[in-house]
Amino acid sequence: MSRTLRIIHDDRESFFCRRCGSPVPPSIAGGRNRNHCPNCLSSLHLDIVAGDRRSPCKGLMRPIAVWAKPDGEWSVLHHCERCGIIRATRIAADDDEGALLKLALKPIARLPFPLET
């Protein structure tokens, strides 16, 4: 029987966002690791499996949408600008609500058809 060793890093250090430059505090929402900027919602492609910090890519991950799970929990969908992978990341309590709403409303702002008035 083979076993896979899974290493989870407990990152409780602040960092600066590579996209907007904002200081990013450790997670305050009870999560083990902070993986995106609460201001611009951008992330880095650090994980192969959530929390392992073993991805060789290290590309910037742009927020492209929000996803509401059936239980009502929201996640941000990120697209890696380097390798193209798309990943879902749970929102955090201190994420900018305006940025989340902007992502959620983006499809409505860009309708593929005209609205009748």
PDB file of N, CA and C in Angstrom:
ATOM      1  N   MET A   1       0.848  -1.170   0.000  1.00  0.00           N
ATOM      2  CA  MET A   1       0.000   0.000   0.000  1.00  0.00           C
ATOM      3  C   MET A   1       0.894   1.234   0.000  1.00  0.00           C
ATOM      4  N   SER A   2       0.630   2.167  -0.908  1.00  0.00           N
ATOM      5  CA  SER A   2       1.426   3.392  -0.936  1.00  0.00           C
ATOM      6  C   SER A   2       0.683   4.512  -0.234  1.00  0.00           C
ATOM      7  N   ARG A   3       1.439   5.361   0.387  1.00  0.00           N
ATOM      8  CA  ARG A   3       0.865   6.509   1.084  1.00  0.00           C
ATOM      9  C   ARG A   3       1.499   7.772   0.543  1.00  0.00           C
ATOM     10  N   THR A   4       0.703   8.808   0.501  1.00  0.00           N
ATOM     11  CA  THR A   4       1.204  10.095   0.052  1.00  0.00           C
ATOM     12  C   THR A   4       1.391  10.987   1.262  1.00  0.00           C
ATOM     13  N   LEU A   5       2.590  11.522   1.404  1.00  0.00           N
ATOM     14  CA  LEU A   5       2.868  12.447   2.494  1.00  0.00           C
ATOM     15  C   LEU A   5       2.315  13.808   2.113  1.00  0.00           C
ATOM     16  N   ARG A   6       1.458  14.341   2.949  1.00  0.00           N
ATOM     17  CA  ARG A   6       0.862  15.653   2.688  1.00  0.00           C
ATOM     18  C   ARG A   6       1.349  16.618   3.749  1.00  0.00           C
ATOM     19  N   ILE A   7       2.079  17.619   3.306  1.00  0.00           N
ATOM     20  CA  ILE A   7       2.612  18.621   4.219  1.00  0.00           C
ATOM     21  C   ILE A   7       1.769  19.872   4.089  1.00  0.00           C
ATOM     22  N   ILE A   8       1.218  20.325   5.201  1.00  0.00           N
ATOM     23  CA  ILE A   8       0.427  21.551   5.220  1.00  0.00           C
ATOM     24  C   ILE A   8       1.238  22.599   5.956  1.00  0.00           C
ATOM     25  N   HIS A   9       1.430  23.741   5.328  1.00  0.00           N
ATOM     26  CA  HIS A   9       2.151  24.836   5.960  1.00  0.00           C
ATOM     27  C   HIS A   9       1.172  25.737   6.689  1.00  0.00           C
ATOM     28  N   ASP A  10       1.521  26.115   7.881  1.00  0.00           N
ATOM     29  CA  ASP A  10       0.697  27.002   8.698  1.00  0.00           C
ATOM     30  C   ASP A  10       1.291  28.399   8.597  1.00  0.00           C
ATOM     31  N   ASP A  11       0.836  29.155   7.602  1.00  0.00           N
ATOM     32  CA  ASP A  11       1.401  30.476   7.339  1.00  0.00           C
ATOM     33  C   ASP A  11       0.642  31.547   8.096  1.00  0.00           C
ATOM     34  N   ARG A  12       1.250  32.066   9.119  1.00  0.00           N
ATOM     35  CA  ARG A  12       0.634  33.131   9.899  1.00  0.00           C
ATOM     36  C   ARG A  12       1.493  34.391   9.842  1.00  0.00           C
ATOM     37  N   GLU A  13       2.116  34.617   8.687  1.00  0.00           N
ATOM     38  CA  GLU A  13       2.947  35.797   8.508  1.00  0.00           C
ATOM     39  C   GLU A  13       2.293  36.743   7.513  1.00  0.00           C
ATOM     40  N   SER A  14       2.549  38.024   7.702  1.00  0.00           N
ATOM     41  CA  SER A  14       2.064  39.029   6.759  1.00  0.00           C
ATOM     42  C   SER A  14       2.936  39.008   5.507  1.00  0.00           C
ATOM     43  N   PHE A  15       2.374  39.498   4.405  1.00  0.00           N
ATOM     44  CA  PHE A  15       3.140  39.651   3.170  1.00  0.00           C
ATOM     45  C   PHE A  15       2.541  40.808   2.384  1.00  0.00           C
ATOM     46  N   PHE A  16       3.191  41.197   1.309  1.00  0.00           N
ATOM     47  CA  PHE A  16       2.683  42.254   0.444  1.00  0.00           C
ATOM     48  C   PHE A  16       2.154  41.623  -0.840  1.00  0.00           C
ATOM     49  N   CYS A  17       0.986  42.073  -1.279  1.00  0.00           N
ATOM     50  CA  CYS A  17       0.360  41.559  -2.495  1.00  0.00           C
ATOM     51  C   CYS A  17       1.225  41.902  -3.704  1.00  0.00           C
ATOM     52  N   ARG A  18       1.479  40.907  -4.557  1.00  0.00           N
ATOM     53  CA  ARG A  18       2.276  41.142  -5.765  1.00  0.00           C
ATOM     54  C   ARG A  18       1.525  41.940  -6.814  1.00  0.00           C
ATOM     55  N   ARG A  19       0.196  41.972  -6.754  1.00  0.00           N
ATOM     56  CA  ARG A  19      -0.564  42.730  -7.753  1.00  0.00           C
ATOM     57  C   ARG A  19      -0.764  44.179  -7.329  1.00  0.00           C
ATOM     58  N   CYS A  20      -1.323  44.411  -6.117  1.00  0.00           N
ATOM     59  CA  CYS A  20      -1.672  45.787  -5.729  1.00  0.00           C
ATOM     60  C   CYS A  20      -0.714  46.397  -4.707  1.00  0.00           C
ATOM     61  N   GLY A  21       0.183  45.589  -4.119  1.00  0.00           N
ATOM     62  CA  GLY A  21       1.159  46.099  -3.167  1.00  0.00           C
ATOM     63  C   GLY A  21       0.647  46.295  -1.754  1.00  0.00           C
ATOM     64  N   SER A  22      -0.613  45.969  -1.502  1.00  0.00           N
ATOM     65  CA  SER A  22      -1.181  46.137  -0.159  1.00  0.00           C
ATOM     66  C   SER A  22      -0.557  45.158   0.823  1.00  0.00           C
ATOM     67  N   PRO A  23      -0.386  45.592   2.085  1.00  0.00           N
ATOM     68  CA  PRO A  23       0.051  44.639   3.104  1.00  0.00           C
ATOM     69  C   PRO A  23      -1.088  43.662   3.385  1.00  0.00           C
ATOM     70  N   VAL A  24      -0.766  42.386   3.471  1.00  0.00           N
ATOM     71  CA  VAL A  24      -1.771  41.349   3.702  1.00  0.00           C
ATOM     72  C   VAL A  24      -1.483  40.701   5.051  1.00  0.00           C
ATOM     73  N   PRO A  25      -2.402  40.868   6.018  1.00  0.00           N
ATOM     74  CA  PRO A  25      -2.198  40.280   7.341  1.00  0.00           C
ATOM     75  C   PRO A  25      -2.474  38.778   7.315  1.00  0.00           C
ATOM     76  N   PRO A  26      -2.042  38.057   8.344  1.00  0.00           N
ATOM     77  CA  PRO A  26      -2.399  36.637   8.436  1.00  0.00           C
ATOM     78  C   PRO A  26      -3.918  36.496   8.479  1.00  0.00           C
ATOM     79  N   SER A  27      -4.396  35.324   8.159  1.00  0.00           N
ATOM     80  CA  SER A  27      -5.836  35.081   8.151  1.00  0.00           C
ATOM     81  C   SER A  27      -6.441  35.348   9.519  1.00  0.00           C
ATOM     82  N   ILE A  28      -7.569  36.065   9.527  1.00  0.00           N
ATOM     83  CA  ILE A  28      -8.260  36.315  10.788  1.00  0.00           C
ATOM     84  C   ILE A  28      -9.539  35.501  10.874  1.00  0.00           C
ATOM     85  N   ALA A  29      -9.807  34.718   9.823  1.00  0.00           N
ATOM     86  CA  ALA A  29     -11.081  34.011   9.749  1.00  0.00           C
ATOM     87  C   ALA A  29     -10.990  32.569  10.224  1.00  0.00           C
ATOM     88  N   GLY A  30      -9.930  32.227  10.930  1.00  0.00           N
ATOM     89  CA  GLY A  30      -9.811  30.873  11.443  1.00  0.00           C
ATOM     90  C   GLY A  30      -9.184  29.895  10.468  1.00  0.00           C
ATOM     91  N   GLY A  31      -8.809  30.359   9.277  1.00  0.00           N
ATOM     92  CA  GLY A  31      -8.164  29.473   8.324  1.00  0.00           C
ATOM     93  C   GLY A  31      -6.716  29.232   8.704  1.00  0.00           C
ATOM     94  N   ARG A  32      -6.143  28.168   8.139  1.00  0.00           N
ATOM     95  CA  ARG A  32      -4.753  27.855   8.445  1.00  0.00           C
ATOM     96  C   ARG A  32      -3.779  28.717   7.679  1.00  0.00           C
ATOM     97  N   ASN A  33      -4.177  29.142   6.494  1.00  0.00           N
ATOM     98  CA  ASN A  33      -3.243  29.951   5.723  1.00  0.00           C
ATOM     99  C   ASN A  33      -3.987  30.980   4.891  1.00  0.00           C
ATOM    100  N   ARG A  34      -3.359  32.098   4.741  1.00  0.00           N
ATOM    101  CA  ARG A  34      -3.895  33.188   3.917  1.00  0.00           C
ATOM    102  C   ARG A  34      -3.375  32.952   2.520  1.00  0.00           C
ATOM    103  N   ASN A  35      -4.258  32.867   1.536  1.00  0.00           N
ATOM    104  CA  ASN A  35      -3.767  32.603   0.191  1.00  0.00           C
ATOM    105  C   ASN A  35      -4.204  33.625  -0.842  1.00  0.00           C
ATOM    106  N   HIS A  36      -4.821  34.720  -0.408  1.00  0.00           N
ATOM    107  CA  HIS A  36      -5.141  35.771  -1.368  1.00  0.00           C
ATOM    108  C   HIS A  36      -5.217  37.117  -0.659  1.00  0.00           C
ATOM    109  N   CYS A  37      -5.070  38.175  -1.448  1.00  0.00           N
ATOM    110  CA  CYS A  37      -5.119  39.541  -0.935  1.00  0.00           C
ATOM    111  C   CYS A  37      -6.569  39.911  -0.630  1.00  0.00           C
ATOM    112  N   PRO A  38      -6.857  40.430   0.561  1.00  0.00           N
ATOM    113  CA  PRO A  38      -8.236  40.800   0.878  1.00  0.00           C
ATOM    114  C   PRO A  38      -8.689  42.063   0.149  1.00  0.00           C
ATOM    115  N   ASN A  39      -7.761  42.810  -0.449  1.00  0.00           N
ATOM    116  CA  ASN A  39      -8.109  44.048  -1.153  1.00  0.00           C
ATOM    117  C   ASN A  39      -8.443  43.808  -2.623  1.00  0.00           C
ATOM    118  N   CYS A  40      -7.516  43.216  -3.365  1.00  0.00           N
ATOM    119  CA  CYS A  40      -7.748  43.005  -4.801  1.00  0.00           C
ATOM    120  C   CYS A  40      -8.129  41.559  -5.121  1.00  0.00           C
ATOM    121  N   LEU A  41      -8.079  40.674  -4.125  1.00  0.00           N
ATOM    122  CA  LEU A  41      -8.457  39.260  -4.220  1.00  0.00           C
ATOM    123  C   LEU A  41      -7.495  38.417  -5.051  1.00  0.00           C
ATOM    124  N   SER A  42      -6.357  38.981  -5.460  1.00  0.00           N
ATOM    125  CA  SER A  42      -5.367  38.220  -6.221  1.00  0.00           C
ATOM    126  C   SER A  42      -4.644  37.233  -5.313  1.00  0.00           C
ATOM    127  N   SER A  43      -4.052  36.231  -5.939  1.00  0.00           N
ATOM    128  CA  SER A  43      -3.377  35.173  -5.203  1.00  0.00           C
ATOM    129  C   SER A  43      -2.110  34.786  -5.956  1.00  0.00           C
ATOM    130  N   LEU A  44      -1.365  33.864  -5.395  1.00  0.00           N
ATOM    131  CA  LEU A  44      -0.216  33.271  -6.073  1.00  0.00           C
ATOM    132  C   LEU A  44      -0.452  31.778  -6.191  1.00  0.00           C
ATOM    133  N   HIS A  45       0.019  31.183  -7.267  1.00  0.00           N
ATOM    134  CA  HIS A  45      -0.123  29.743  -7.461  1.00  0.00           C
ATOM    135  C   HIS A  45       0.979  29.040  -6.663  1.00  0.00           C
ATOM    136  N   LEU A  46       0.700  28.815  -5.387  1.00  0.00           N
ATOM    137  CA  LEU A  46       1.688  28.232  -4.480  1.00  0.00           C
ATOM    138  C   LEU A  46       1.443  26.762  -4.182  1.00  0.00           C
ATOM    139  N   ASP A  47       0.190  26.312  -4.281  1.00  0.00           N
ATOM    140  CA  ASP A  47      -0.167  24.969  -3.823  1.00  0.00           C
ATOM    141  C   ASP A  47      -0.448  24.007  -4.972  1.00  0.00           C
ATOM    142  N   ILE A  48      -0.078  22.745  -4.751  1.00  0.00           N
ATOM    143  CA  ILE A  48      -0.547  21.650  -5.593  1.00  0.00           C
ATOM    144  C   ILE A  48      -1.831  21.126  -4.949  1.00  0.00           C
ATOM    145  N   VAL A  49      -1.739  20.847  -3.656  1.00  0.00           N
ATOM    146  CA  VAL A  49      -2.886  20.488  -2.819  1.00  0.00           C
ATOM    147  C   VAL A  49      -3.023  21.616  -1.807  1.00  0.00           C
ATOM    148  N   ALA A  50      -4.234  22.029  -1.506  1.00  0.00           N
ATOM    149  CA  ALA A  50      -4.469  23.182  -0.630  1.00  0.00           C
ATOM    150  C   ALA A  50      -3.577  23.157   0.610  1.00  0.00           C
ATOM    151  N   GLY A  51      -2.785  24.219   0.748  1.00  0.00           N
ATOM    152  CA  GLY A  51      -1.947  24.389   1.927  1.00  0.00           C
ATOM    153  C   GLY A  51      -0.558  23.797   1.859  1.00  0.00           C
ATOM    154  N   ASP A  52      -0.204  23.056   0.790  1.00  0.00           N
ATOM    155  CA  ASP A  52       1.105  22.388   0.789  1.00  0.00           C
ATOM    156  C   ASP A  52       2.264  23.279   0.333  1.00  0.00           C
ATOM    157  N   ARG A  53       1.980  24.383  -0.363  1.00  0.00           N
ATOM    158  CA  ARG A  53       2.983  25.352  -0.826  1.00  0.00           C
ATOM    159  C   ARG A  53       4.076  24.701  -1.673  1.00  0.00           C
ATOM    160  N   ARG A  54       3.712  23.671  -2.480  1.00  0.00           N
ATOM    161  CA  ARG A  54       4.694  22.922  -3.254  1.00  0.00           C
ATOM    162  C   ARG A  54       4.617  23.148  -4.761  1.00  0.00           C
ATOM    163  N   SER A  55       3.779  24.059  -5.234  1.00  0.00           N
ATOM    164  CA  SER A  55       3.688  24.271  -6.679  1.00  0.00           C
ATOM    165  C   SER A  55       4.954  24.950  -7.196  1.00  0.00           C
ATOM    166  N   PRO A  56       5.528  24.434  -8.271  1.00  0.00           N
ATOM    167  CA  PRO A  56       6.707  25.083  -8.848  1.00  0.00           C
ATOM    168  C   PRO A  56       6.339  26.324  -9.671  1.00  0.00           C
ATOM    169  N   CYS A  57       5.066  26.524  -9.975  1.00  0.00           N
ATOM    170  CA  CYS A  57       4.628  27.605 -10.865  1.00  0.00           C
ATOM    171  C   CYS A  57       4.875  28.993 -10.271  1.00  0.00           C
ATOM    172  N   LYS A  58       4.327  29.266  -9.122  1.00  0.00           N
ATOM    173  CA  LYS A  58       4.453  30.557  -8.415  1.00  0.00           C
ATOM    174  C   LYS A  58       3.901  31.737  -9.215  1.00  0.00           C
ATOM    175  N   GLY A  59       3.021  31.453 -10.202  1.00  0.00           N
ATOM    176  CA  GLY A  59       2.439  32.512 -11.017  1.00  0.00           C
ATOM    177  C   GLY A  59       1.396  33.325 -10.271  1.00  0.00           C
ATOM    178  N   LEU A  60       1.125  34.517 -10.777  1.00  0.00           N
ATOM    179  CA  LEU A  60       0.093  35.382 -10.217  1.00  0.00           C
ATOM    180  C   LEU A  60      -1.270  34.841 -10.635  1.00  0.00           C
ATOM    181  N   MET A  61      -2.178  34.718  -9.682  1.00  0.00           N
ATOM    182  CA  MET A  61      -3.520  34.213  -9.961  1.00  0.00           C
ATOM    183  C   MET A  61      -4.519  35.360  -9.860  1.00  0.00           C
ATOM    184  N   ARG A  62      -5.173  35.633 -10.979  1.00  0.00           N
ATOM    185  CA  ARG A  62      -6.119  36.736 -11.089  1.00  0.00           C
ATOM    186  C   ARG A  62      -7.515  36.242 -10.721  1.00  0.00           C
ATOM    187  N   PRO A  63      -8.258  37.006  -9.894  1.00  0.00           N
ATOM    188  CA  PRO A  63      -9.639  36.612  -9.597  1.00  0.00           C
ATOM    189  C   PRO A  63     -10.502  36.823 -10.841  1.00  0.00           C
ATOM    190  N   ILE A  64     -11.272  35.797 -11.221  1.00  0.00           N
ATOM    191  CA  ILE A  64     -12.078  35.908 -12.440  1.00  0.00           C
ATOM    192  C   ILE A  64     -13.577  35.809 -12.177  1.00  0.00           C
ATOM    193  N   ALA A  65     -13.973  35.262 -11.029  1.00  0.00           N
ATOM    194  CA  ALA A  65     -15.402  35.102 -10.738  1.00  0.00           C
ATOM    195  C   ALA A  65     -15.577  34.695  -9.280  1.00  0.00           C
ATOM    196  N   VAL A  66     -16.808  34.742  -8.824  1.00  0.00           N
ATOM    197  CA  VAL A  66     -17.147  34.151  -7.531  1.00  0.00           C
ATOM    198  C   VAL A  66     -18.075  32.975  -7.791  1.00  0.00           C
ATOM    199  N   TRP A  67     -18.069  32.052  -6.864  1.00  0.00           N
ATOM    200  CA  TRP A  67     -18.876  30.847  -6.969  1.00  0.00           C
ATOM    201  C   TRP A  67     -19.593  30.672  -5.647  1.00  0.00           C
ATOM    202  N   ALA A  68     -20.904  30.566  -5.682  1.00  0.00           N
ATOM    203  CA  ALA A  68     -21.685  30.305  -4.475  1.00  0.00           C
ATOM    204  C   ALA A  68     -21.975  28.810  -4.427  1.00  0.00           C
ATOM    205  N   LYS A  69     -21.439  28.141  -3.408  1.00  0.00           N
ATOM    206  CA  LYS A  69     -21.652  26.709  -3.258  1.00  0.00           C
ATOM    207  C   LYS A  69     -23.092  26.452  -2.809  1.00  0.00           C
ATOM    208  N   PRO A  70     -23.587  25.238  -2.955  1.00  0.00           N
ATOM    209  CA  PRO A  70     -24.958  24.936  -2.539  1.00  0.00           C
ATOM    210  C   PRO A  70     -25.245  25.242  -1.063  1.00  0.00           C
ATOM    211  N   ASP A  71     -24.204  25.176  -0.221  1.00  0.00           N
ATOM    212  CA  ASP A  71     -24.407  25.475   1.205  1.00  0.00           C
ATOM    213  C   ASP A  71     -24.361  26.974   1.496  1.00  0.00           C
ATOM    214  N   GLY A  72     -24.185  27.798   0.456  1.00  0.00           N
ATOM    215  CA  GLY A  72     -24.181  29.249   0.622  1.00  0.00           C
ATOM    216  C   GLY A  72     -22.799  29.860   0.784  1.00  0.00           C
ATOM    217  N   GLU A  73     -21.770  29.035   0.971  1.00  0.00           N
ATOM    218  CA  GLU A  73     -20.410  29.561   1.116  1.00  0.00           C
ATOM    219  C   GLU A  73     -19.894  30.046  -0.240  1.00  0.00           C
ATOM    220  N   TRP A  74     -19.220  31.196  -0.229  1.00  0.00           N
ATOM    221  CA  TRP A  74     -18.662  31.762  -1.457  1.00  0.00           C
ATOM    222  C   TRP A  74     -17.192  31.398  -1.601  1.00  0.00           C
ATOM    223  N   SER A  75     -16.776  31.227  -2.835  1.00  0.00           N
ATOM    224  CA  SER A  75     -15.371  31.042  -3.179  1.00  0.00           C
ATOM    225  C   SER A  75     -15.037  31.977  -4.331  1.00  0.00           C
ATOM    226  N   VAL A  76     -13.764  32.348  -4.415  1.00  0.00           N
ATOM    227  CA  VAL A  76     -13.268  33.138  -5.538  1.00  0.00           C
ATOM    228  C   VAL A  76     -12.591  32.171  -6.499  1.00  0.00           C
ATOM    229  N   LEU A  77     -12.910  32.279  -7.777  1.00  0.00           N
ATOM    230  CA  LEU A  77     -12.221  31.492  -8.791  1.00  0.00           C
ATOM    231  C   LEU A  77     -11.031  32.303  -9.276  1.00  0.00           C
ATOM    232  N   HIS A  78      -9.849  31.672  -9.225  1.00  0.00           N
ATOM    233  CA  HIS A  78      -8.610  32.317  -9.653  1.00  0.00           C
ATOM    234  C   HIS A  78      -8.072  31.622 -10.897  1.00  0.00           C
ATOM    235  N   HIS A  79      -7.516  32.412 -11.815  1.00  0.00           N
ATOM    236  CA  HIS A  79      -6.881  31.903 -13.026  1.00  0.00           C
ATOM    237  C   HIS A  79      -5.398  32.254 -12.968  1.00  0.00           C
ATOM    238  N   CYS A  80      -4.538  31.247 -13.060  1.00  0.00           N
ATOM    239  CA  CYS A  80      -3.096  31.484 -13.024  1.00  0.00           C
ATOM    240  C   CYS A  80      -2.646  32.065 -14.361  1.00  0.00           C
ATOM    241  N   GLU A  81      -2.007  33.230 -14.297  1.00  0.00           N
ATOM    242  CA  GLU A  81      -1.543  33.899 -15.513  1.00  0.00           C
ATOM    243  C   GLU A  81      -0.326  33.218 -16.130  1.00  0.00           C
ATOM    244  N   ARG A  82       0.325  32.340 -15.390  1.00  0.00           N
ATOM    245  CA  ARG A  82       1.506  31.655 -15.917  1.00  0.00           C
ATOM    246  C   ARG A  82       1.149  30.302 -16.539  1.00  0.00           C
ATOM    247  N   CYS A  83       0.449  29.432 -15.800  1.00  0.00           N
ATOM    248  CA  CYS A  83       0.192  28.078 -16.308  1.00  0.00           C
ATOM    249  C   CYS A  83      -1.256  27.850 -16.742  1.00  0.00           C
ATOM    250  N   GLY A  84      -2.164  28.771 -16.412  1.00  0.00           N
ATOM    251  CA  GLY A  84      -3.538  28.674 -16.881  1.00  0.00           C
ATOM    252  C   GLY A  84      -4.513  27.906 -16.005  1.00  0.00           C
ATOM    253  N   ILE A  85      -4.042  27.321 -14.915  1.00  0.00           N
ATOM    254  CA  ILE A  85      -4.932  26.550 -14.049  1.00  0.00           C
ATOM    255  C   ILE A  85      -5.984  27.464 -13.411  1.00  0.00           C
ATOM    256  N   ILE A  86      -7.161  26.916 -13.148  1.00  0.00           N
ATOM    257  CA  ILE A  86      -8.221  27.644 -12.452  1.00  0.00           C
ATOM    258  C   ILE A  86      -8.489  26.914 -11.146  1.00  0.00           C
ATOM    259  N   ARG A  87      -8.509  27.665 -10.052  1.00  0.00           N
ATOM    260  CA  ARG A  87      -8.722  27.100  -8.720  1.00  0.00           C
ATOM    261  C   ARG A  87      -9.748  27.923  -7.956  1.00  0.00           C
ATOM    262  N   ALA A  88     -10.480  27.268  -7.076  1.00  0.00           N
ATOM    263  CA  ALA A  88     -11.436  27.943  -6.192  1.00  0.00           C
ATOM    264  C   ALA A  88     -10.796  28.129  -4.826  1.00  0.00           C
ATOM    265  N   THR A  89     -10.998  29.308  -4.238  1.00  0.00           N
ATOM    266  CA  THR A  89     -10.464  29.645  -2.925  1.00  0.00           C
ATOM    267  C   THR A  89     -11.586  30.225  -2.075  1.00  0.00           C
ATOM    268  N   ARG A  90     -11.743  29.703  -0.875  1.00  0.00           N
ATOM    269  CA  ARG A  90     -12.780  30.222   0.023  1.00  0.00           C
ATOM    270  C   ARG A  90     -12.528  31.695   0.327  1.00  0.00           C
ATOM    271  N   ILE A  91     -13.609  32.474   0.407  1.00  0.00           N
ATOM    272  CA  ILE A  91     -13.435  33.871   0.785  1.00  0.00           C
ATOM    273  C   ILE A  91     -13.095  33.930   2.270  1.00  0.00           C
ATOM    274  N   ALA A  92     -12.520  35.044   2.676  1.00  0.00           N
ATOM    275  CA  ALA A  92     -12.163  35.266   4.078  1.00  0.00           C
ATOM    276  C   ALA A  92     -13.036  36.384   4.638  1.00  0.00           C
ATOM    277  N   ALA A  93     -13.158  36.419   5.948  1.00  0.00           N
ATOM    278  CA  ALA A  93     -14.026  37.389   6.616  1.00  0.00           C
ATOM    279  C   ALA A  93     -13.619  38.827   6.329  1.00  0.00           C
ATOM    280  N   ASP A  94     -12.331  39.069   6.078  1.00  0.00           N
ATOM    281  CA  ASP A  94     -11.877  40.438   5.852  1.00  0.00           C
ATOM    282  C   ASP A  94     -11.697  40.788   4.372  1.00  0.00           C
ATOM    283  N   ASP A  95     -12.192  39.943   3.465  1.00  0.00           N
ATOM    284  CA  ASP A  95     -12.124  40.274   2.037  1.00  0.00           C
ATOM    285  C   ASP A  95     -12.974  41.500   1.745  1.00  0.00           C
ATOM    286  N   ASP A  96     -12.496  42.326   0.829  1.00  0.00           N
ATOM    287  CA  ASP A  96     -13.203  43.546   0.443  1.00  0.00           C
ATOM    288  C   ASP A  96     -14.547  43.179  -0.197  1.00  0.00           C
ATOM    289  N   GLU A  97     -15.634  43.589   0.465  1.00  0.00           N
ATOM    290  CA  GLU A  97     -16.969  43.237  -0.021  1.00  0.00           C
ATOM    291  C   GLU A  97     -17.262  43.865  -1.381  1.00  0.00           C
ATOM    292  N   GLY A  98     -16.751  45.075  -1.604  1.00  0.00           N
ATOM    293  CA  GLY A  98     -16.932  45.722  -2.903  1.00  0.00           C
ATOM    294  C   GLY A  98     -16.257  44.951  -4.021  1.00  0.00           C
ATOM    295  N   ALA A  99     -15.052  44.446  -3.755  1.00  0.00           N
ATOM    296  CA  ALA A  99     -14.328  43.662  -4.762  1.00  0.00           C
ATOM    297  C   ALA A  99     -15.068  42.357  -5.060  1.00  0.00           C
ATOM    298  N   LEU A 100     -15.621  41.733  -4.014  1.00  0.00           N
ATOM    299  CA  LEU A 100     -16.394  40.505  -4.215  1.00  0.00           C
ATOM    300  C   LEU A 100     -17.652  40.780  -5.039  1.00  0.00           C
ATOM    301  N   LEU A 101     -18.358  41.862  -4.707  1.00  0.00           N
ATOM    302  CA  LEU A 101     -19.569  42.221  -5.459  1.00  0.00           C
ATOM    303  C   LEU A 101     -19.242  42.553  -6.912  1.00  0.00           C
ATOM    304  N   LYS A 102     -18.144  43.251  -7.128  1.00  0.00           N
ATOM    305  CA  LYS A 102     -17.729  43.599  -8.490  1.00  0.00           C
ATOM    306  C   LYS A 102     -17.510  42.331  -9.320  1.00  0.00           C
ATOM    307  N   LEU A 103     -16.862  41.337  -8.714  1.00  0.00           N
ATOM    308  CA  LEU A 103     -16.665  40.060  -9.410  1.00  0.00           C
ATOM    309  C   LEU A 103     -17.994  39.371  -9.684  1.00  0.00           C
ATOM    310  N   ALA A 104     -18.876  39.373  -8.676  1.00  0.00           N
ATOM    311  CA  ALA A 104     -20.166  38.695  -8.816  1.00  0.00           C
ATOM    312  C   ALA A 104     -21.035  39.345  -9.888  1.00  0.00           C
ATOM    313  N   LEU A 105     -20.932  40.665 -10.025  1.00  0.00           N
ATOM    314  CA  LEU A 105     -21.785  41.393 -10.963  1.00  0.00           C
ATOM    315  C   LEU A 105     -21.183  41.541 -12.359  1.00  0.00           C
ATOM    316  N   LYS A 106     -19.931  41.139 -12.533  1.00  0.00           N
ATOM    317  CA  LYS A 106     -19.267  41.306 -13.831  1.00  0.00           C
ATOM    318  C   LYS A 106     -20.063  40.695 -14.988  1.00  0.00           C
ATOM    319  N   PRO A 107     -20.621  39.485 -14.862  1.00  0.00           N
ATOM    320  CA  PRO A 107     -21.393  38.937 -15.991  1.00  0.00           C
ATOM    321  C   PRO A 107     -22.638  39.761 -16.317  1.00  0.00           C
ATOM    322  N   ILE A 108     -23.248  40.361 -15.308  1.00  0.00           N
ATOM    323  CA  ILE A 108     -24.446  41.164 -15.539  1.00  0.00           C
ATOM    324  C   ILE A 108     -24.087  42.475 -16.233  1.00  0.00           C
ATOM    325  N   ALA A 109     -22.915  43.008 -15.919  1.00  0.00           N
ATOM    326  CA  ALA A 109     -22.470  44.253 -16.550  1.00  0.00           C
ATOM    327  C   ALA A 109     -22.085  44.049 -18.011  1.00  0.00           C
ATOM    328  N   ARG A 110     -21.818  42.813 -18.392  1.00  0.00           N
ATOM    329  CA  ARG A 110     -21.388  42.506 -19.765  1.00  0.00           C
ATOM    330  C   ARG A 110     -22.336  41.504 -20.418  1.00  0.00           C
ATOM    331  N   LEU A 111     -23.601  41.813 -20.433  1.00  0.00           N
ATOM    332  CA  LEU A 111     -24.583  40.901 -21.014  1.00  0.00           C
ATOM    333  C   LEU A 111     -24.307  40.686 -22.505  1.00  0.00           C
ATOM    334  N   PRO A 112     -24.477  39.471 -22.993  1.00  0.00           N
ATOM    335  CA  PRO A 112     -24.231  39.191 -24.408  1.00  0.00           C
ATOM    336  C   PRO A 112     -25.425  39.540 -25.299  1.00  0.00           C
ATOM    337  N   PHE A 113     -26.404  40.218 -24.720  1.00  0.00           N
ATOM    338  CA  PHE A 113     -27.603  40.595 -25.465  1.00  0.00           C
ATOM    339  C   PHE A 113     -28.111  41.930 -24.920  1.00  0.00           C
ATOM    340  N   PRO A 114     -28.859  42.678 -25.737  1.00  0.00           N
ATOM    341  CA  PRO A 114     -29.374  43.969 -25.261  1.00  0.00           C
ATOM    342  C   PRO A 114     -30.575  43.783 -24.333  1.00  0.00           C
ATOM    343  N   LEU A 115     -30.683  44.666 -23.368  1.00  0.00           N
ATOM    344  CA  LEU A 115     -31.851  44.666 -22.495  1.00  0.00           C
ATOM    345  C   LEU A 115     -32.946  45.496 -23.147  1.00  0.00           C
ATOM    346  N   GLU A 116     -34.152  44.997 -23.100  1.00  0.00           N
ATOM    347  CA  GLU A 116     -35.272  45.774 -23.637  1.00  0.00           C
ATOM    348  C   GLU A 116     -35.672  46.814 -22.616  1.00  0.00           C
ATOM    349  N   THR A 117     -35.938  48.019 -23.076  1.00  0.00           N
ATOM    350  CA  THR A 117     -36.341  49.087 -22.156  1.00  0.00           C
ATOM    351  C   THR A 117     -37.776  49.484 -22.369  1.00  0.00           C
TER     352      THR A 117
END
